[in-house]
Amino acid sequence: MDATLTFLGTGTSMGVPTLACACAVCTSADAHDHRLRPSVLLQWHGAETGTERAVVIDTGPDFREQALRAKVARVDAVFYTHGHADHILGLDDLRPLSFVSDRRGGPIPLYADQETAAVLRQVFAYTFSPQATYPTRARVELKPLAARNPVDGVEFLRIPLLHGEMPINGFRFGNAAYMTDVSAIPESSFALLEGVELLAISALRHAPHPSHATVEQSLAWARRVGARQTWFTHIAHDLGNEETNRTLPANARLAYDGLSVPVTL
């Protein structure tokens, strides 16, 4: 089954340009160097329904802007990697999309692990609290994240990762995998990545960081996985798009906001 993966945002938690920074990347005129907070959109025609399906991974604080640019008219499910602000704070922007979804037959399912769900319930208490009475709150429903999560014929496989000392989630769908904010991949997770041909993975910068992989670390993981294509995301303002791509292997590139690539589900 053919699908399209769109990078809604490829920046770090602070975005690029970063506030109060006048570095070469933050002041770059190259649109590829302008990076909103990390998120992706997967679109396909459902095997069970035959209609277009759209799944988002993470709704960061830039989600509204990203969804407008990508002309997102529906969201059938959201998967959360973890509960940090740059991955969850756009949840409320699901509201108008959830009204459409609710008319089609139900709230938008949000798949999150136990820790992330607790953060979402706390931050968005006016949405999830049993006492919530706000009439136009988002029509969404928290669902426990399982090892395998089906959405209209497509299985989203949870890939356990580490973000510093924090357990987080990557996701595999078909021949592709999306893994952001990763600093270490448990040995058991490599078995879940066998056969992945397109790897979207974070690569913060060249200098080491306590909770994010460097370009060199992510390149080594991509080689181990055997990915034919590697797209780096969650990119800091240390890396200029054109300059960095000149140093990378032919099958690895920095992703950029709005990039769409084909995947097979």
Foldseek 3Di string as FASTA:
>chain_A
DKKKKAWLFFAALQWAVGPPDDDCLNPDPDQQSGTAQTKMKMWDQFPQPRHIAIEIEFFAPCNLVSCVVVVDQEHQEYEYFAADRRRYVRVQVCQVRQVVVVVVPAGREYEDAPRNVVNCCVVPVCQPPPPNDPPRGGRYDYDYHDQWDDDRHWIWGWFWAFQQNDITTKTDTALEIEEESGDGHDPVRLVVLANRAEYEYEAADQDDDRGHHHPVVVVVSCVVNVHQAYEYGNYYSRDDQVVVQVVDPPRYGYDGRGDMDMDDD
